[in-house]
Amino acid sequence: MRKIISKVAFELIVITLGVLVALGINAWYNTYQQRQQAEVLLGKIAYELTQNIERLESAASAYNDNIIKSQRYVAELEETGESPRFEFVLKMLNVDQGAWRFSQSREELNTLPVELLIALDLANRSNTEAKHMVNTFIFEGHDDLSEFSDSDLNERYLDGIEREFKQIKFYVDYALMSSQQALSRLKEYRATGKLVARKENVTLSTEL
């Protein structure tokens, strides 16, 4: 009887261990698959960030040129007393966010460090704000130059539009900085599999 009980107990232990090992292997494989899928997803997000950075740099340059032009036009107006011909480049901002938005519904994000997710989310939100600021100004925010005929109104217009250009550039610069930091953190994680704790002091300012 004891032999039978011992044999049954031994078989139960073997079966239990087998089940536990199988569950452990299955859990490891699922985690491995999630990490592989997360890597593919991060590659797409990295590409998206790279493209957005190029567009943000282009927009920042264009609106910086507009700030310089508005200042030059004011100086010309004050010097000659005549209204200069205004030529501003109102560059639209088109940032891609498809890969990041798609990732929001994916379980693979659970395998990523919280610090990386925060950096990516900040880049996405700042890109959205910059895009809204730029495109709203282009389609709704600026007045028709033909409404201004005398030098006083032109000077007031130039002062006002310079402030708007500076505000736009601030949003674009912030989105650019956030995107660059997010891409840097993403590359660090993809290369090492971890993130090093950082204390970053960043100053971003503008004059309105």
N, C-alpha and C. Protein backbone atom coordinates (compact mmCIF):
# COMPACT_ATOMS: atom_id res chain seq x y z
N MET A 1 0.82 -1.21 0.00
CA MET A 1 0.00 0.00 0.00
C MET A 1 0.86 1.26 0.00
N ARG A 2 1.93 1.22 0.87
CA ARG A 2 2.83 2.37 0.92
C ARG A 2 3.54 2.58 -0.41
N LYS A 3 3.86 1.46 -1.05
CA LYS A 3 4.54 1.57 -2.34
C LYS A 3 3.63 2.23 -3.37
N ILE A 4 2.37 1.87 -3.33
CA ILE A 4 1.41 2.44 -4.29
C ILE A 4 1.25 3.93 -4.04
N ILE A 5 1.12 4.30 -2.74
CA ILE A 5 0.98 5.72 -2.39
C ILE A 5 2.21 6.50 -2.80
N SER A 6 3.40 5.91 -2.53
CA SER A 6 4.65 6.58 -2.89
C SER A 6 4.75 6.77 -4.40
N LYS A 7 4.33 5.74 -5.13
CA LYS A 7 4.38 5.82 -6.59
C LYS A 7 3.43 6.89 -7.12
N VAL A 8 2.23 6.93 -6.56
CA VAL A 8 1.24 7.95 -6.99
C VAL A 8 1.74 9.35 -6.66
N ALA A 9 2.30 9.49 -5.44
CA ALA A 9 2.80 10.80 -5.02
C ALA A 9 3.93 11.25 -5.93
N PHE A 10 4.81 10.30 -6.28
CA PHE A 10 5.94 10.62 -7.16
C PHE A 10 5.44 11.06 -8.53
N GLU A 11 4.44 10.33 -9.05
CA GLU A 11 3.89 10.69 -10.36
C GLU A 11 3.22 12.06 -10.33
N LEU A 12 2.52 12.34 -9.20
CA LEU A 12 1.88 13.66 -9.07
C LEU A 12 2.92 14.77 -9.04
N ILE A 13 4.02 14.55 -8.34
CA ILE A 13 5.09 15.55 -8.27
C ILE A 13 5.68 15.78 -9.65
N VAL A 14 5.92 14.68 -10.36
CA VAL A 14 6.49 14.79 -11.72
C VAL A 14 5.55 15.57 -12.63
N ILE A 15 4.25 15.23 -12.56
CA ILE A 15 3.25 15.92 -13.40
C ILE A 15 3.18 17.40 -13.04
N THR A 16 3.18 17.70 -11.73
CA THR A 16 3.12 19.10 -11.27
C THR A 16 4.33 19.89 -11.76
N LEU A 17 5.51 19.29 -11.61
CA LEU A 17 6.74 19.95 -12.08
C LEU A 17 6.69 20.18 -13.59
N GLY A 18 6.16 19.18 -14.30
CA GLY A 18 6.06 19.31 -15.75
C GLY A 18 5.14 20.46 -16.15
N VAL A 19 4.01 20.57 -15.44
CA VAL A 19 3.06 21.66 -15.72
C VAL A 19 3.70 23.01 -15.42
N LEU A 20 4.40 23.10 -14.26
CA LEU A 20 5.05 24.36 -13.89
C LEU A 20 6.12 24.76 -14.89
N VAL A 21 6.90 23.79 -15.33
CA VAL A 21 7.94 24.07 -16.33
C VAL A 21 7.30 24.54 -17.63
N ALA A 22 6.22 23.85 -18.04
CA ALA A 22 5.54 24.24 -19.28
C ALA A 22 4.97 25.65 -19.17
N LEU A 23 4.38 25.97 -18.02
CA LEU A 23 3.84 27.32 -17.82
C LEU A 23 4.95 28.36 -17.83
N GLY A 24 6.07 28.01 -17.21
CA GLY A 24 7.21 28.93 -17.20
C GLY A 24 7.75 29.18 -18.60
N ILE A 25 7.87 28.12 -19.38
CA ILE A 25 8.35 28.27 -20.76
C ILE A 25 7.37 29.09 -21.58
N ASN A 26 6.08 28.83 -21.38
CA ASN A 26 5.07 29.57 -22.13
C ASN A 26 5.10 31.06 -21.78
N ALA A 27 5.26 31.37 -20.47
CA ALA A 27 5.33 32.77 -20.04
C ALA A 27 6.57 33.44 -20.62
N TRP A 28 7.70 32.72 -20.60
CA TRP A 28 8.94 33.28 -21.16
C TRP A 28 8.79 33.54 -22.65
N TYR A 29 8.16 32.60 -23.36
CA TYR A 29 8.00 32.75 -24.81
C TYR A 29 7.07 33.92 -25.14
N ASN A 30 6.00 34.06 -24.35
CA ASN A 30 5.09 35.19 -24.57
C ASN A 30 5.80 36.52 -24.35
N THR A 31 6.62 36.59 -23.28
CA THR A 31 7.38 37.81 -23.01
C THR A 31 8.38 38.08 -24.13
N TYR A 32 9.02 37.00 -24.60
CA TYR A 32 9.99 37.14 -25.69
C TYR A 32 9.30 37.67 -26.95
N GLN A 33 8.13 37.12 -27.25
CA GLN A 33 7.39 37.58 -28.42
C GLN A 33 7.00 39.06 -28.29
N GLN A 34 6.55 39.45 -27.10
CA GLN A 34 6.17 40.84 -26.87
C GLN A 34 7.35 41.77 -27.07
N ARG A 35 8.51 41.34 -26.58
CA ARG A 35 9.71 42.18 -26.73
C ARG A 35 10.11 42.31 -28.19
N GLN A 36 9.98 41.22 -28.93
CA GLN A 36 10.30 41.26 -30.36
C GLN A 36 9.34 42.19 -31.10
N GLN A 37 8.06 42.08 -30.76
CA GLN A 37 7.06 42.94 -31.39
C GLN A 37 7.25 44.39 -30.97
N ALA A 38 7.67 44.60 -29.71
CA ALA A 38 7.94 45.96 -29.23
C ALA A 38 9.10 46.56 -29.98
N GLU A 39 10.10 45.75 -30.29
CA GLU A 39 11.27 46.22 -31.04
C GLU A 39 10.86 46.68 -32.44
N VAL A 40 9.99 45.93 -33.08
CA VAL A 40 9.50 46.32 -34.41
C VAL A 40 8.73 47.64 -34.30
N LEU A 41 7.91 47.74 -33.28
CA LEU A 41 7.12 48.95 -33.07
C LEU A 41 8.01 50.14 -32.78
N LEU A 42 9.05 49.95 -31.97
CA LEU A 42 9.97 51.04 -31.66
C LEU A 42 10.73 51.50 -32.90
N GLY A 43 11.03 50.56 -33.80
CA GLY A 43 11.69 50.93 -35.05
C GLY A 43 10.82 51.87 -35.87
N LYS A 44 9.52 51.60 -35.90
CA LYS A 44 8.60 52.45 -36.64
C LYS A 44 8.45 53.82 -35.98
N ILE A 45 8.40 53.82 -34.65
CA ILE A 45 8.29 55.09 -33.92
C ILE A 45 9.56 55.92 -34.10
N ALA A 46 10.72 55.26 -34.11
CA ALA A 46 11.99 55.97 -34.32
C ALA A 46 12.02 56.63 -35.69
N TYR A 47 11.57 55.89 -36.70
CA TYR A 47 11.51 56.46 -38.06
C TYR A 47 10.57 57.66 -38.09
N GLU A 48 9.43 57.52 -37.44
CA GLU A 48 8.44 58.61 -37.40
C GLU A 48 9.01 59.84 -36.71
N LEU A 49 9.71 59.64 -35.60
CA LEU A 49 10.32 60.76 -34.89
C LEU A 49 11.38 61.44 -35.74
N THR A 50 12.17 60.65 -36.45
CA THR A 50 13.21 61.21 -37.31
C THR A 50 12.61 62.11 -38.38
N GLN A 51 11.54 61.63 -39.00
CA GLN A 51 10.85 62.43 -40.03
C GLN A 51 10.27 63.70 -39.42
N ASN A 52 9.67 63.59 -38.25
CA ASN A 52 9.08 64.76 -37.61
C ASN A 52 10.13 65.79 -37.23
N ILE A 53 11.29 65.32 -36.78
CA ILE A 53 12.36 66.24 -36.40
C ILE A 53 12.81 67.06 -37.61
N GLU A 54 12.93 66.40 -38.75
CA GLU A 54 13.31 67.13 -39.98
C GLU A 54 12.27 68.20 -40.32
N ARG A 55 11.00 67.88 -40.18
CA ARG A 55 9.94 68.84 -40.50
C ARG A 55 9.90 69.97 -39.48
N LEU A 56 10.13 69.64 -38.22
CA LEU A 56 10.15 70.68 -37.19
C LEU A 56 11.34 71.62 -37.38
N GLU A 57 12.48 71.08 -37.75
CA GLU A 57 13.65 71.91 -38.01
C GLU A 57 13.39 72.86 -39.17
N SER A 58 12.74 72.34 -40.21
CA SER A 58 12.41 73.17 -41.37
C SER A 58 11.43 74.29 -40.99
N ALA A 59 10.41 73.93 -40.18
CA ALA A 59 9.42 74.93 -39.75
C ALA A 59 10.07 75.97 -38.84
N ALA A 60 10.92 75.53 -37.92
CA ALA A 60 11.60 76.46 -37.01
C ALA A 60 12.45 77.45 -37.79
N SER A 61 13.14 76.96 -38.80
CA SER A 61 13.97 77.83 -39.63
C SER A 61 13.13 78.85 -40.39
N ALA A 62 12.00 78.38 -40.95
CA ALA A 62 11.12 79.27 -41.73
C ALA A 62 10.54 80.38 -40.86
N TYR A 63 10.09 80.04 -39.65
CA TYR A 63 9.48 81.05 -38.80
C TYR A 63 10.52 81.95 -38.14
N ASN A 64 11.73 81.46 -37.98
CA ASN A 64 12.81 82.33 -37.53
C ASN A 64 13.13 83.37 -38.60
N ASP A 65 13.12 82.93 -39.86
CA ASP A 65 13.31 83.87 -40.98
C ASP A 65 12.21 84.92 -41.00
N ASN A 66 10.97 84.50 -40.70
CA ASN A 66 9.86 85.45 -40.67
C ASN A 66 10.02 86.49 -39.57
N ILE A 67 10.54 86.06 -38.42
CA ILE A 67 10.80 87.00 -37.32
C ILE A 67 11.82 88.04 -37.76
N ILE A 68 12.89 87.58 -38.37
CA ILE A 68 13.94 88.49 -38.85
C ILE A 68 13.38 89.45 -39.91
N LYS A 69 12.55 88.91 -40.82
CA LYS A 69 11.95 89.75 -41.86
C LYS A 69 11.05 90.83 -41.26
N SER A 70 10.22 90.45 -40.30
CA SER A 70 9.30 91.43 -39.70
C SER A 70 10.08 92.54 -39.02
N GLN A 71 11.18 92.22 -38.37
CA GLN A 71 12.02 93.23 -37.73
C GLN A 71 12.66 94.14 -38.77
N ARG A 72 13.09 93.54 -39.87
CA ARG A 72 13.69 94.33 -40.95
C ARG A 72 12.67 95.26 -41.60
N TYR A 73 11.44 94.77 -41.77
CA TYR A 73 10.39 95.60 -42.37
C TYR A 73 10.05 96.80 -41.48
N VAL A 74 10.03 96.56 -40.16
CA VAL A 74 9.77 97.66 -39.23
C VAL A 74 10.87 98.71 -39.33
N ALA A 75 12.12 98.26 -39.38
CA ALA A 75 13.25 99.19 -39.49
C ALA A 75 13.17 99.97 -40.80
N GLU A 76 12.80 99.29 -41.88
CA GLU A 76 12.67 99.95 -43.18
C GLU A 76 11.54 100.96 -43.15
N LEU A 77 10.43 100.61 -42.50
CA LEU A 77 9.28 101.51 -42.41
C LEU A 77 9.64 102.77 -41.61
N GLU A 78 10.37 102.57 -40.50
CA GLU A 78 10.76 103.70 -39.67
C GLU A 78 11.77 104.59 -40.39
N GLU A 79 12.62 103.99 -41.22
CA GLU A 79 13.66 104.74 -41.91
C GLU A 79 13.12 105.53 -43.10
N THR A 80 12.25 104.95 -43.87
CA THR A 80 11.77 105.57 -45.10
C THR A 80 10.40 106.21 -44.96
N GLY A 81 9.64 105.76 -43.98
CA GLY A 81 8.28 106.25 -43.84
C GLY A 81 7.32 105.66 -44.84
N GLU A 82 7.81 104.73 -45.62
CA GLU A 82 6.98 104.07 -46.63
C GLU A 82 6.77 102.61 -46.26
N SER A 83 5.62 102.14 -46.63
CA SER A 83 5.30 100.75 -46.31
C SER A 83 6.07 99.80 -47.21
N PRO A 84 6.85 98.90 -46.62
CA PRO A 84 7.57 97.92 -47.44
C PRO A 84 6.63 96.83 -47.94
N ARG A 85 7.08 96.08 -48.90
CA ARG A 85 6.29 94.96 -49.38
C ARG A 85 6.58 93.76 -48.50
N PHE A 86 5.53 93.23 -47.89
CA PHE A 86 5.71 92.12 -46.96
C PHE A 86 5.75 90.79 -47.71
N GLU A 87 6.74 90.00 -47.39
CA GLU A 87 6.85 88.65 -47.98
C GLU A 87 7.22 87.67 -46.87
N PHE A 88 6.23 86.96 -46.38
CA PHE A 88 6.45 85.97 -45.34
C PHE A 88 6.15 84.57 -45.90
N VAL A 89 6.93 83.60 -45.44
CA VAL A 89 6.69 82.21 -45.82
C VAL A 89 5.92 81.54 -44.69
N LEU A 90 4.65 81.26 -44.92
CA LEU A 90 3.82 80.61 -43.90
C LEU A 90 3.85 79.10 -44.15
N LYS A 91 4.79 78.45 -43.51
CA LYS A 91 5.03 77.03 -43.74
C LYS A 91 4.15 76.18 -42.84
N MET A 92 3.36 75.32 -43.46
CA MET A 92 2.52 74.40 -42.69
C MET A 92 3.38 73.34 -42.01
N LEU A 93 2.85 72.79 -40.93
CA LEU A 93 3.57 71.75 -40.19
C LEU A 93 2.76 70.46 -40.24
N ASN A 94 3.33 69.46 -40.85
CA ASN A 94 2.68 68.15 -40.94
C ASN A 94 3.56 67.12 -40.23
N VAL A 95 3.14 66.71 -39.05
CA VAL A 95 3.89 65.71 -38.30
C VAL A 95 3.13 64.39 -38.31
N ASP A 96 3.87 63.30 -38.45
CA ASP A 96 3.27 61.96 -38.46
C ASP A 96 3.15 61.45 -37.02
N GLN A 97 2.02 60.85 -36.70
CA GLN A 97 1.81 60.30 -35.36
C GLN A 97 1.13 58.93 -35.42
N GLY A 98 1.06 58.36 -36.61
CA GLY A 98 0.37 57.09 -36.79
C GLY A 98 0.96 55.95 -35.99
N ALA A 99 2.29 55.82 -36.02
CA ALA A 99 2.94 54.71 -35.32
C ALA A 99 2.74 54.81 -33.81
N TRP A 100 2.87 56.04 -33.28
CA TRP A 100 2.68 56.21 -31.83
C TRP A 100 1.24 55.95 -31.43
N ARG A 101 0.29 56.45 -32.22
CA ARG A 101 -1.12 56.23 -31.89
C ARG A 101 -1.47 54.75 -31.99
N PHE A 102 -0.94 54.06 -32.97
CA PHE A 102 -1.17 52.63 -33.11
C PHE A 102 -0.64 51.88 -31.90
N SER A 103 0.49 52.34 -31.38
CA SER A 103 1.13 51.64 -30.26
C SER A 103 0.31 51.74 -28.97
N GLN A 104 -0.59 52.72 -28.88
CA GLN A 104 -1.36 52.91 -27.65
C GLN A 104 -2.24 51.72 -27.30
N SER A 105 -2.65 50.97 -28.32
CA SER A 105 -3.53 49.83 -28.07
C SER A 105 -2.77 48.50 -28.03
N ARG A 106 -1.46 48.56 -28.03
CA ARG A 106 -0.66 47.33 -28.09
C ARG A 106 -0.15 46.95 -26.70
N GLU A 107 -0.23 45.67 -26.38
CA GLU A 107 0.25 45.16 -25.10
C GLU A 107 1.77 45.21 -25.00
N GLU A 108 2.44 45.30 -26.15
CA GLU A 108 3.90 45.32 -26.15
C GLU A 108 4.47 46.49 -25.34
N LEU A 109 3.68 47.57 -25.22
CA LEU A 109 4.16 48.72 -24.48
C LEU A 109 4.39 48.40 -23.01
N ASN A 110 3.75 47.34 -22.52
CA ASN A 110 3.93 46.96 -21.12
C ASN A 110 5.36 46.52 -20.82
N THR A 111 6.11 46.16 -21.86
CA THR A 111 7.48 45.70 -21.66
C THR A 111 8.48 46.85 -21.66
N LEU A 112 8.03 48.07 -21.95
CA LEU A 112 8.93 49.21 -22.08
C LEU A 112 9.04 49.98 -20.76
N PRO A 113 10.19 50.63 -20.52
CA PRO A 113 10.35 51.43 -19.30
C PRO A 113 9.39 52.62 -19.28
N VAL A 114 8.92 52.97 -18.10
CA VAL A 114 7.99 54.08 -17.96
C VAL A 114 8.63 55.38 -18.44
N GLU A 115 9.93 55.57 -18.16
CA GLU A 115 10.62 56.79 -18.57
C GLU A 115 10.58 56.98 -20.08
N LEU A 116 10.72 55.88 -20.82
CA LEU A 116 10.69 55.96 -22.27
C LEU A 116 9.29 56.31 -22.76
N LEU A 117 8.28 55.70 -22.16
CA LEU A 117 6.90 55.98 -22.55
C LEU A 117 6.54 57.45 -22.28
N ILE A 118 7.03 57.98 -21.17
CA ILE A 118 6.77 59.39 -20.84
C ILE A 118 7.41 60.30 -21.88
N ALA A 119 8.65 60.00 -22.26
CA ALA A 119 9.35 60.82 -23.25
C ALA A 119 8.64 60.77 -24.60
N LEU A 120 8.19 59.59 -24.99
CA LEU A 120 7.49 59.45 -26.27
C LEU A 120 6.14 60.17 -26.24
N ASP A 121 5.44 60.08 -25.13
CA ASP A 121 4.14 60.74 -25.02
C ASP A 121 4.30 62.26 -25.03
N LEU A 122 5.34 62.76 -24.37
CA LEU A 122 5.60 64.20 -24.35
C LEU A 122 5.90 64.71 -25.76
N ALA A 123 6.70 63.95 -26.51
CA ALA A 123 7.01 64.33 -27.89
C ALA A 123 5.74 64.37 -28.73
N ASN A 124 4.89 63.38 -28.55
CA ASN A 124 3.65 63.32 -29.33
C ASN A 124 2.73 64.49 -29.00
N ARG A 125 2.57 64.80 -27.71
CA ARG A 125 1.68 65.89 -27.32
C ARG A 125 2.23 67.25 -27.77
N SER A 126 3.53 67.45 -27.66
CA SER A 126 4.10 68.73 -28.08
C SER A 126 4.04 68.90 -29.60
N ASN A 127 4.17 67.79 -30.33
CA ASN A 127 4.01 67.85 -31.78
C ASN A 127 2.58 68.24 -32.16
N THR A 128 1.61 67.67 -31.44
CA THR A 128 0.21 68.00 -31.70
C THR A 128 -0.05 69.48 -31.45
N GLU A 129 0.47 70.01 -30.35
CA GLU A 129 0.26 71.41 -30.01
C GLU A 129 0.92 72.33 -31.04
N ALA A 130 2.15 71.99 -31.47
CA ALA A 130 2.85 72.81 -32.46
C ALA A 130 2.11 72.79 -33.79
N LYS A 131 1.66 71.62 -34.18
CA LYS A 131 0.92 71.51 -35.44
C LYS A 131 -0.35 72.35 -35.40
N HIS A 132 -1.08 72.28 -34.29
CA HIS A 132 -2.31 73.06 -34.16
C HIS A 132 -2.01 74.56 -34.20
N MET A 133 -0.97 74.98 -33.49
CA MET A 133 -0.62 76.40 -33.44
C MET A 133 -0.25 76.92 -34.82
N VAL A 134 0.60 76.19 -35.52
CA VAL A 134 1.06 76.63 -36.84
C VAL A 134 -0.09 76.67 -37.84
N ASN A 135 -0.81 75.59 -37.96
CA ASN A 135 -1.83 75.49 -39.01
C ASN A 135 -3.05 76.37 -38.73
N THR A 136 -3.37 76.56 -37.45
CA THR A 136 -4.46 77.48 -37.11
C THR A 136 -4.09 78.91 -37.50
N PHE A 137 -2.84 79.28 -37.25
CA PHE A 137 -2.39 80.63 -37.63
C PHE A 137 -2.47 80.82 -39.14
N ILE A 138 -2.06 79.83 -39.90
CA ILE A 138 -2.05 79.96 -41.36
C ILE A 138 -3.46 80.11 -41.90
N PHE A 139 -4.40 79.32 -41.39
CA PHE A 139 -5.74 79.31 -41.96
C PHE A 139 -6.69 80.31 -41.31
N GLU A 140 -6.40 80.70 -40.06
CA GLU A 140 -7.37 81.55 -39.36
C GLU A 140 -6.76 82.76 -38.67
N GLY A 141 -5.50 82.69 -38.31
CA GLY A 141 -4.97 83.67 -37.36
C GLY A 141 -4.40 84.95 -37.91
N HIS A 142 -4.11 85.06 -39.20
CA HIS A 142 -3.49 86.29 -39.69
C HIS A 142 -4.46 87.07 -40.56
N ASP A 143 -4.30 88.37 -40.56
CA ASP A 143 -5.19 89.26 -41.29
C ASP A 143 -4.69 89.49 -42.72
N ASP A 144 -5.59 89.95 -43.56
CA ASP A 144 -5.25 90.28 -44.94
C ASP A 144 -4.43 91.58 -44.95
N LEU A 145 -3.27 91.53 -45.58
CA LEU A 145 -2.40 92.70 -45.60
C LEU A 145 -3.05 93.89 -46.28
N SER A 146 -4.00 93.65 -47.18
CA SER A 146 -4.63 94.74 -47.91
C SER A 146 -5.45 95.64 -47.00
N GLU A 147 -5.74 95.18 -45.79
CA GLU A 147 -6.52 95.99 -44.85
C GLU A 147 -5.70 97.13 -44.27
N PHE A 148 -4.38 97.06 -44.40
CA PHE A 148 -3.51 98.05 -43.79
C PHE A 148 -2.95 98.97 -44.88
N SER A 149 -3.27 100.26 -44.76
CA SER A 149 -2.85 101.20 -45.81
C SER A 149 -1.85 102.23 -45.31
N ASP A 150 -1.99 102.72 -44.08
CA ASP A 150 -1.05 103.74 -43.64
C ASP A 150 0.07 103.12 -42.81
N SER A 151 1.13 103.89 -42.62
CA SER A 151 2.33 103.36 -41.97
C SER A 151 2.09 102.94 -40.53
N ASP A 152 1.21 103.66 -39.82
CA ASP A 152 0.95 103.32 -38.43
C ASP A 152 0.34 101.93 -38.30
N LEU A 153 -0.66 101.68 -39.15
CA LEU A 153 -1.31 100.37 -39.11
C LEU A 153 -0.33 99.28 -39.53
N ASN A 154 0.50 99.56 -40.52
CA ASN A 154 1.47 98.57 -40.97
C ASN A 154 2.47 98.24 -39.86
N GLU A 155 2.90 99.27 -39.13
CA GLU A 155 3.84 99.03 -38.04
C GLU A 155 3.18 98.20 -36.94
N ARG A 156 1.93 98.53 -36.63
CA ARG A 156 1.21 97.76 -35.62
C ARG A 156 1.02 96.31 -36.09
N TYR A 157 0.73 96.15 -37.36
CA TYR A 157 0.58 94.80 -37.90
C TYR A 157 1.88 94.01 -37.79
N LEU A 158 2.98 94.67 -38.17
CA LEU A 158 4.28 93.99 -38.13
C LEU A 158 4.67 93.62 -36.71
N ASP A 159 4.40 94.52 -35.76
CA ASP A 159 4.69 94.20 -34.36
C ASP A 159 3.86 93.01 -33.89
N GLY A 160 2.58 93.01 -34.28
CA GLY A 160 1.70 91.92 -33.87
C GLY A 160 2.08 90.60 -34.49
N ILE A 161 2.40 90.63 -35.77
CA ILE A 161 2.71 89.35 -36.43
C ILE A 161 4.07 88.83 -35.98
N GLU A 162 4.98 89.74 -35.60
CA GLU A 162 6.26 89.29 -35.06
C GLU A 162 6.05 88.52 -33.76
N ARG A 163 5.15 89.04 -32.91
CA ARG A 163 4.86 88.33 -31.66
C ARG A 163 4.25 86.95 -31.94
N GLU A 164 3.39 86.88 -32.95
CA GLU A 164 2.78 85.59 -33.30
C GLU A 164 3.83 84.63 -33.84
N PHE A 165 4.74 85.13 -34.67
CA PHE A 165 5.80 84.28 -35.20
C PHE A 165 6.67 83.74 -34.06
N LYS A 166 6.95 84.59 -33.07
CA LYS A 166 7.77 84.15 -31.94
C LYS A 166 7.04 83.08 -31.12
N GLN A 167 5.73 83.27 -30.95
CA GLN A 167 4.95 82.28 -30.21
C GLN A 167 4.94 80.94 -30.95
N ILE A 168 4.74 81.01 -32.26
CA ILE A 168 4.74 79.80 -33.07
C ILE A 168 6.09 79.10 -32.96
N LYS A 169 7.16 79.87 -33.08
CA LYS A 169 8.50 79.27 -33.03
C LYS A 169 8.77 78.63 -31.67
N PHE A 170 8.23 79.24 -30.60
CA PHE A 170 8.40 78.65 -29.28
C PHE A 170 7.78 77.25 -29.23
N TYR A 171 6.56 77.12 -29.73
CA TYR A 171 5.89 75.82 -29.75
C TYR A 171 6.65 74.82 -30.63
N VAL A 172 7.13 75.28 -31.77
CA VAL A 172 7.88 74.40 -32.68
C VAL A 172 9.20 73.98 -32.03
N ASP A 173 9.89 74.93 -31.40
CA ASP A 173 11.16 74.62 -30.73
C ASP A 173 10.95 73.61 -29.61
N TYR A 174 9.86 73.78 -28.86
CA TYR A 174 9.57 72.85 -27.76
C TYR A 174 9.28 71.45 -28.30
N ALA A 175 8.51 71.38 -29.38
CA ALA A 175 8.22 70.08 -30.00
C ALA A 175 9.50 69.45 -30.55
N LEU A 176 10.35 70.28 -31.13
CA LEU A 176 11.62 69.78 -31.66
C LEU A 176 12.50 69.23 -30.55
N MET A 177 12.62 69.98 -29.46
CA MET A 177 13.42 69.54 -28.32
C MET A 177 12.87 68.24 -27.74
N SER A 178 11.56 68.16 -27.55
CA SER A 178 10.93 66.96 -26.99
C SER A 178 11.14 65.75 -27.89
N SER A 179 11.02 65.96 -29.20
CA SER A 179 11.19 64.86 -30.15
C SER A 179 12.64 64.38 -30.19
N GLN A 180 13.58 65.30 -30.12
CA GLN A 180 14.99 64.93 -30.12
C GLN A 180 15.34 64.14 -28.87
N GLN A 181 14.83 64.57 -27.72
CA GLN A 181 15.09 63.85 -26.48
C GLN A 181 14.45 62.46 -26.50
N ALA A 182 13.22 62.38 -27.01
CA ALA A 182 12.54 61.09 -27.08
C ALA A 182 13.29 60.13 -28.01
N LEU A 183 13.76 60.64 -29.15
CA LEU A 183 14.50 59.79 -30.08
C LEU A 183 15.82 59.33 -29.47
N SER A 184 16.47 60.22 -28.73
CA SER A 184 17.73 59.86 -28.08
C SER A 184 17.50 58.76 -27.04
N ARG A 185 16.44 58.87 -26.25
CA ARG A 185 16.13 57.86 -25.24
C ARG A 185 15.74 56.54 -25.89
N LEU A 186 14.99 56.64 -26.98
CA LEU A 186 14.57 55.43 -27.69
C LEU A 186 15.78 54.69 -28.26
N LYS A 187 16.71 55.42 -28.86
CA LYS A 187 17.92 54.79 -29.40
C LYS A 187 18.75 54.16 -28.30
N GLU A 188 18.82 54.84 -27.15
CA GLU A 188 19.57 54.30 -26.01
C GLU A 188 18.97 52.98 -25.55
N TYR A 189 17.64 52.93 -25.47
CA TYR A 189 16.98 51.71 -25.02
C TYR A 189 17.15 50.58 -26.02
N ARG A 190 17.03 50.89 -27.31
CA ARG A 190 17.17 49.86 -28.33
C ARG A 190 18.59 49.31 -28.38
N ALA A 191 19.58 50.14 -28.06
CA ALA A 191 20.97 49.72 -28.12
C ALA A 191 21.40 48.92 -26.89
N THR A 192 20.87 49.29 -25.72
CA THR A 192 21.34 48.68 -24.47
C THR A 192 20.29 47.85 -23.74
N GLY A 193 19.01 48.05 -24.10
CA GLY A 193 17.94 47.34 -23.40
C GLY A 193 17.57 47.95 -22.07
N LYS A 194 18.12 49.13 -21.77
CA LYS A 194 17.80 49.82 -20.53
C LYS A 194 18.02 51.31 -20.71
N LEU A 195 17.58 52.08 -19.71
CA LEU A 195 17.75 53.52 -19.73
C LEU A 195 18.57 53.95 -18.53
N VAL A 196 19.52 54.82 -18.76
CA VAL A 196 20.32 55.37 -17.67
C VAL A 196 19.61 56.59 -17.11
N ALA A 197 19.52 56.66 -15.78
CA ALA A 197 18.84 57.80 -15.15
C ALA A 197 19.57 59.10 -15.50
N ARG A 198 18.81 60.11 -15.89
CA ARG A 198 19.39 61.39 -16.27
C ARG A 198 18.70 62.52 -15.53
N LYS A 199 19.46 63.57 -15.29
CA LYS A 199 18.89 64.80 -14.77
C LYS A 199 19.22 65.88 -15.78
N GLU A 200 18.22 66.20 -16.60
CA GLU A 200 18.44 67.14 -17.69
C GLU A 200 17.85 68.50 -17.35
N ASN A 201 18.70 69.53 -17.46
CA ASN A 201 18.25 70.90 -17.27
C ASN A 201 18.20 71.57 -18.63
N VAL A 202 17.00 71.85 -19.09
CA VAL A 202 16.81 72.44 -20.41
C VAL A 202 16.13 73.77 -20.28
N THR A 203 16.68 74.78 -20.95
CA THR A 203 16.09 76.11 -20.92
C THR A 203 15.55 76.45 -22.30
N LEU A 204 14.30 76.83 -22.35
CA LEU A 204 13.67 77.22 -23.60
C LEU A 204 12.89 78.50 -23.32
N SER A 205 13.25 79.57 -24.04
CA SER A 205 12.61 80.85 -23.77
C SER A 205 12.36 81.60 -25.07
N THR A 206 11.50 82.60 -24.98
CA THR A 206 11.23 83.46 -26.11
C THR A 206 10.80 84.82 -25.60
N GLU A 207 10.88 85.81 -26.46
CA GLU A 207 10.45 87.16 -26.12
C GLU A 207 9.23 87.51 -26.97
N LEU A 208 8.17 87.93 -26.33
CA LEU A 208 6.95 88.30 -27.04
C LEU A 208 6.72 89.81 -26.96
